[in-house]
Amino acid sequence: MTLLDATIALLLTAQIHCSDKAIKATAKRCAQRLPRSKRDLMFSIIDSAEPLKLVRYIAENLD
């Protein structure tokens, strides 16, 4: 899995489920599959108080 795959999974989860719990669960699953050097974003989402807002912010600021 690449960081792009994980980001797409998070964006889909936000669009389909719209819940913090679902986004945290997806981030945990993705973090397990990513290389250690790419896990920072997933851990930031897991530790966030409002992961849905964070994922929406990331979606708005994609290049």
C-alpha atoms as a PDB file:
ATOM      1  CA  MET A   1       0.000   0.000   0.000  1.00  0.00           C
ATOM      2  CA  THR A   2       1.191   3.504  -0.771  1.00  0.00           C
ATOM      3  CA  LEU A   3       0.388   6.760   0.967  1.00  0.00           C
ATOM      4  CA  LEU A   4      -1.824   7.678  -1.994  1.00  0.00           C
ATOM      5  CA  ASP A   5      -3.846   4.474  -1.518  1.00  0.00           C
ATOM      6  CA  ALA A   6      -4.287   5.225   2.171  1.00  0.00           C
ATOM      7  CA  THR A   7      -5.369   8.799   1.456  1.00  0.00           C
ATOM      8  CA  ILE A   8      -7.950   7.619  -1.061  1.00  0.00           C
ATOM      9  CA  ALA A   9      -9.263   5.087   1.464  1.00  0.00           C
ATOM     10  CA  LEU A  10      -9.654   7.860   4.050  1.00  0.00           C
ATOM     11  CA  LEU A  11     -11.421  10.143   1.580  1.00  0.00           C
ATOM     12  CA  LEU A  12     -13.822   7.364   0.615  1.00  0.00           C
ATOM     13  CA  THR A  13     -14.498   6.579   4.260  1.00  0.00           C
ATOM     14  CA  ALA A  14     -15.261  10.225   4.963  1.00  0.00           C
ATOM     15  CA  GLN A  15     -17.623  10.393   1.977  1.00  0.00           C
ATOM     16  CA  ILE A  16     -19.441   7.118   2.705  1.00  0.00           C
ATOM     17  CA  HIS A  17     -19.582   6.931   6.503  1.00  0.00           C
ATOM     18  CA  CYS A  18     -19.108  10.532   7.702  1.00  0.00           C
ATOM     19  CA  SER A  19     -18.065   9.414  11.176  1.00  0.00           C
ATOM     20  CA  ASP A  20     -14.964   9.892  13.291  1.00  0.00           C
ATOM     21  CA  LYS A  21     -15.047   6.267  14.396  1.00  0.00           C
ATOM     22  CA  ALA A  22     -14.944   4.924  10.830  1.00  0.00           C
ATOM     23  CA  ILE A  23     -12.103   7.258   9.850  1.00  0.00           C
ATOM     24  CA  LYS A  24     -10.010   6.246  12.868  1.00  0.00           C
ATOM     25  CA  ALA A  25     -10.587   2.562  12.091  1.00  0.00           C
ATOM     26  CA  THR A  26      -9.553   3.064   8.463  1.00  0.00           C
ATOM     27  CA  ALA A  27      -6.456   5.016   9.489  1.00  0.00           C
ATOM     28  CA  LYS A  28      -5.447   2.204  11.866  1.00  0.00           C
ATOM     29  CA  ARG A  29      -5.822  -0.420   9.133  1.00  0.00           C
ATOM     30  CA  CYS A  30      -3.881   1.696   6.650  1.00  0.00           C
ATOM     31  CA  ALA A  31      -1.101   2.420   9.169  1.00  0.00           C
ATOM     32  CA  GLN A  32      -0.514  -1.305   9.558  1.00  0.00           C
ATOM     33  CA  ARG A  33      -0.026  -1.710   5.817  1.00  0.00           C
ATOM     34  CA  LEU A  34       2.154   1.354   5.199  1.00  0.00           C
ATOM     35  CA  PRO A  35       5.937   1.424   5.539  1.00  0.00           C
ATOM     36  CA  ARG A  36       7.083   2.924   8.848  1.00  0.00           C
ATOM     37  CA  SER A  37       8.389   6.061   7.173  1.00  0.00           C
ATOM     38  CA  LYS A  38       4.935   6.875   5.752  1.00  0.00           C
ATOM     39  CA  ARG A  39       2.780   6.346   8.858  1.00  0.00           C
ATOM     40  CA  ASP A  40       2.932   9.889  10.300  1.00  0.00           C
ATOM     41  CA  LEU A  41      -0.246  11.079   8.595  1.00  0.00           C
ATOM     42  CA  MET A  42      -2.214   8.037   9.758  1.00  0.00           C
ATOM     43  CA  PHE A  43      -1.077   8.503  13.356  1.00  0.00           C
ATOM     44  CA  SER A  44      -2.010  12.193  13.191  1.00  0.00           C
ATOM     45  CA  ILE A  45      -5.518  11.224  12.126  1.00  0.00           C
ATOM     46  CA  ILE A  46      -5.797   8.511  14.777  1.00  0.00           C
ATOM     47  CA  ASP A  47      -4.707  10.913  17.536  1.00  0.00           C
ATOM     48  CA  SER A  48      -6.894  13.787  16.319  1.00  0.00           C
ATOM     49  CA  ALA A  49      -9.913  14.886  18.370  1.00  0.00           C
ATOM     50  CA  GLU A  50     -11.861  15.489  15.145  1.00  0.00           C
ATOM     51  CA  PRO A  51     -10.526  13.168  12.424  1.00  0.00           C
ATOM     52  CA  LEU A  52     -13.404  13.886  10.031  1.00  0.00           C
ATOM     53  CA  LYS A  53     -12.537  17.594   9.966  1.00  0.00           C
ATOM     54  CA  LEU A  54      -8.863  16.748   9.467  1.00  0.00           C
ATOM     55  CA  VAL A  55      -9.601  14.470   6.498  1.00  0.00           C
ATOM     56  CA  ARG A  56     -11.867  17.106   4.957  1.00  0.00           C
ATOM     57  CA  TYR A  57      -9.086  19.681   5.396  1.00  0.00           C
ATOM     58  CA  ILE A  58      -6.646  17.344   3.678  1.00  0.00           C
ATOM     59  CA  ALA A  59      -9.123  16.839   0.822  1.00  0.00           C
ATOM     60  CA  GLU A  60      -9.536  20.582   0.337  1.00  0.00           C
ATOM     61  CA  ASN A  61      -5.774  21.139   0.169  1.00  0.00           C
ATOM     62  CA  LEU A  62      -4.706  18.394  -2.206  1.00  0.00           C
ATOM     63  CA  ASP A  63      -2.480  19.521  -5.042  1.00  0.00           C
END
